[in-house]
Amino acid sequence: MTARQLATLLFSTTFLLAGCSSGGGSSDAYPVDVSGARVSSRTMENGDLLEEYRVAGQLRMVRVKPARGAPYYLYDRDGDGRMDNPRDQVPVVYWKLYSW
């Protein structure tokens, strides 16, 4: 096996393993419980799609699908109906990087 073939094999194996490790978990593996949630969708003027997940009338999660770019999620971890956003910290945005 030549050095080039070995490098190609090592490179492709690394990416396959990275894909497997980042895909772990089902789409139901959210940090908050959204089982039985009522989902309402609306499209903004700029083409972004917002999906609100409400459980017993309380907003628990928002999925934002920008017209351009990857979808991201905002969560309400403490159940007060507001997205968690501590003023002294940068808000956490969750990106789904890989799935199959």
C-alpha atoms as a PDB file:
ATOM      1  CA  MET A   1       0.000   0.000   0.000  1.00  0.00           C
ATOM      2  CA  THR A   2       1.432   3.363  -0.983  1.00  0.00           C
ATOM      3  CA  ALA A   3       1.670   6.344   1.328  1.00  0.00           C
ATOM      4  CA  ARG A   4      -1.025   8.144  -0.652  1.00  0.00           C
ATOM      5  CA  GLN A   5      -3.457   5.217  -0.370  1.00  0.00           C
ATOM      6  CA  LEU A   6      -2.749   4.931   3.341  1.00  0.00           C
ATOM      7  CA  ALA A   7      -3.355   8.655   3.854  1.00  0.00           C
ATOM      8  CA  THR A   8      -6.637   8.451   1.913  1.00  0.00           C
ATOM      9  CA  LEU A   9      -7.781   5.463   3.961  1.00  0.00           C
ATOM     10  CA  LEU A  10      -6.899   7.160   7.239  1.00  0.00           C
ATOM     11  CA  PHE A  11      -8.592  10.408   6.179  1.00  0.00           C
ATOM     12  CA  SER A  12     -11.850   8.708   5.110  1.00  0.00           C
ATOM     13  CA  THR A  13     -11.934   6.508   8.230  1.00  0.00           C
ATOM     14  CA  THR A  14     -11.560   9.569  10.444  1.00  0.00           C
ATOM     15  CA  PHE A  15     -14.525  11.283   8.800  1.00  0.00           C
ATOM     16  CA  LEU A  16     -16.683   8.165   9.004  1.00  0.00           C
ATOM     17  CA  LEU A  17     -15.980   7.828  12.716  1.00  0.00           C
ATOM     18  CA  ALA A  18     -16.675  11.526  13.276  1.00  0.00           C
ATOM     19  CA  GLY A  19     -20.018  11.164  11.504  1.00  0.00           C
ATOM     20  CA  CYS A  20     -20.978   8.189  13.644  1.00  0.00           C
ATOM     21  CA  SER A  21     -20.076   9.920  16.884  1.00  0.00           C
ATOM     22  CA  SER A  22     -21.953  13.127  16.072  1.00  0.00           C
ATOM     23  CA  GLY A  23     -25.117  11.365  14.933  1.00  0.00           C
ATOM     24  CA  GLY A  24     -25.784   9.507  18.165  1.00  0.00           C
ATOM     25  CA  GLY A  25     -29.319   9.691  19.387  1.00  0.00           C
ATOM     26  CA  SER A  26     -32.686   9.928  17.836  1.00  0.00           C
ATOM     27  CA  SER A  27     -34.492  13.065  16.786  1.00  0.00           C
ATOM     28  CA  ASP A  28     -36.494  12.722  20.030  1.00  0.00           C
ATOM     29  CA  ALA A  29     -33.377  13.298  22.140  1.00  0.00           C
ATOM     30  CA  TYR A  30     -34.077  16.936  23.003  1.00  0.00           C
ATOM     31  CA  PRO A  31     -32.871  18.492  26.277  1.00  0.00           C
ATOM     32  CA  VAL A  32     -36.511  19.161  27.231  1.00  0.00           C
ATOM     33  CA  ASP A  33     -39.531  16.848  27.184  1.00  0.00           C
ATOM     34  CA  VAL A  34     -41.647  17.656  24.131  1.00  0.00           C
ATOM     35  CA  SER A  35     -43.575  14.389  24.013  1.00  0.00           C
ATOM     36  CA  GLY A  36     -47.216  15.084  23.242  1.00  0.00           C
ATOM     37  CA  ALA A  37     -46.418  18.650  22.239  1.00  0.00           C
ATOM     38  CA  ARG A  38     -48.718  20.651  19.995  1.00  0.00           C
ATOM     39  CA  VAL A  39     -46.634  22.003  17.117  1.00  0.00           C
ATOM     40  CA  SER A  40     -47.591  25.233  15.382  1.00  0.00           C
ATOM     41  CA  SER A  41     -45.693  26.517  12.368  1.00  0.00           C
ATOM     42  CA  ARG A  42     -45.510  29.914  10.770  1.00  0.00           C
ATOM     43  CA  THR A  43     -43.412  31.419   8.021  1.00  0.00           C
ATOM     44  CA  MET A  44     -41.847  34.819   8.580  1.00  0.00           C
ATOM     45  CA  GLU A  45     -41.597  37.534   5.929  1.00  0.00           C
ATOM     46  CA  ASN A  46     -37.948  36.672   5.244  1.00  0.00           C
ATOM     47  CA  GLY A  47     -38.801  33.012   4.551  1.00  0.00           C
ATOM     48  CA  ASP A  48     -37.716  31.595   7.923  1.00  0.00           C
ATOM     49  CA  LEU A  49     -39.956  28.851   9.306  1.00  0.00           C
ATOM     50  CA  LEU A  50     -40.695  28.864  13.054  1.00  0.00           C
ATOM     51  CA  GLU A  51     -42.055  25.754  14.755  1.00  0.00           C
ATOM     52  CA  GLU A  52     -43.301  26.229  18.322  1.00  0.00           C
ATOM     53  CA  TYR A  53     -43.658  23.171  20.545  1.00  0.00           C
ATOM     54  CA  ARG A  54     -46.174  23.670  23.372  1.00  0.00           C
ATOM     55  CA  VAL A  55     -46.896  21.175  26.137  1.00  0.00           C
ATOM     56  CA  ALA A  56     -50.034  21.900  28.196  1.00  0.00           C
ATOM     57  CA  GLY A  57     -50.093  25.398  26.700  1.00  0.00           C
ATOM     58  CA  GLN A  58     -46.522  26.241  27.736  1.00  0.00           C
ATOM     59  CA  LEU A  59     -43.852  26.978  25.148  1.00  0.00           C
ATOM     60  CA  ARG A  60     -41.094  24.385  25.582  1.00  0.00           C
ATOM     61  CA  MET A  61     -39.047  24.539  22.374  1.00  0.00           C
ATOM     62  CA  VAL A  62     -38.717  26.598  19.200  1.00  0.00           C
ATOM     63  CA  ARG A  63     -37.182  25.217  16.035  1.00  0.00           C
ATOM     64  CA  VAL A  64     -36.027  27.865  13.578  1.00  0.00           C
ATOM     65  CA  LYS A  65     -35.463  26.833   9.970  1.00  0.00           C
ATOM     66  CA  PRO A  66     -33.830  29.802   8.249  1.00  0.00           C
ATOM     67  CA  ALA A  67     -34.462  30.267   4.545  1.00  0.00           C
ATOM     68  CA  ARG A  68     -30.698  29.937   4.178  1.00  0.00           C
ATOM     69  CA  GLY A  69     -28.711  27.906   6.639  1.00  0.00           C
ATOM     70  CA  ALA A  70     -29.119  25.046   9.064  1.00  0.00           C
ATOM     71  CA  PRO A  71     -32.054  24.767  11.488  1.00  0.00           C
ATOM     72  CA  TYR A  72     -31.416  25.563  15.142  1.00  0.00           C
ATOM     73  CA  TYR A  73     -33.302  25.102  18.402  1.00  0.00           C
ATOM     74  CA  LEU A  74     -34.155  27.266  21.412  1.00  0.00           C
ATOM     75  CA  TYR A  75     -35.303  25.607  24.646  1.00  0.00           C
ATOM     76  CA  ASP A  76     -37.189  26.429  27.824  1.00  0.00           C
ATOM     77  CA  ARG A  77     -35.405  24.239  30.361  1.00  0.00           C
ATOM     78  CA  ASP A  78     -37.125  25.437  33.541  1.00  0.00           C
ATOM     79  CA  GLY A  79     -40.711  25.307  32.227  1.00  0.00           C
ATOM     80  CA  ASP A  80     -41.637  28.955  32.768  1.00  0.00           C
ATOM     81  CA  GLY A  81     -42.812  29.431  29.164  1.00  0.00           C
ATOM     82  CA  ARG A  82     -39.882  31.642  28.156  1.00  0.00           C
ATOM     83  CA  MET A  83     -36.769  30.696  26.272  1.00  0.00           C
ATOM     84  CA  ASP A  84     -33.790  30.513  28.603  1.00  0.00           C
ATOM     85  CA  ASN A  85     -31.523  33.508  28.059  1.00  0.00           C
ATOM     86  CA  PRO A  86     -29.421  34.582  31.040  1.00  0.00           C
ATOM     87  CA  ARG A  87     -28.537  38.242  30.565  1.00  0.00           C
ATOM     88  CA  ASP A  88     -24.921  37.828  31.633  1.00  0.00           C
ATOM     89  CA  GLN A  89     -24.272  34.847  29.345  1.00  0.00           C
ATOM     90  CA  VAL A  90     -24.454  34.256  25.622  1.00  0.00           C
ATOM     91  CA  PRO A  91     -27.667  32.361  24.768  1.00  0.00           C
ATOM     92  CA  VAL A  92     -27.114  28.746  23.825  1.00  0.00           C
ATOM     93  CA  VAL A  93     -28.210  27.788  20.327  1.00  0.00           C
ATOM     94  CA  TYR A  94     -28.321  24.097  19.424  1.00  0.00           C
ATOM     95  CA  TRP A  95     -27.454  23.056  15.880  1.00  0.00           C
ATOM     96  CA  LYS A  96     -28.170  19.598  14.560  1.00  0.00           C
ATOM     97  CA  LEU A  97     -24.932  18.906  12.732  1.00  0.00           C
ATOM     98  CA  TYR A  98     -25.517  15.452  11.382  1.00  0.00           C
ATOM     99  CA  SER A  99     -28.284  12.882  11.121  1.00  0.00           C
ATOM    100  CA  TRP A 100     -29.285   9.866   9.092  1.00  0.00           C
END
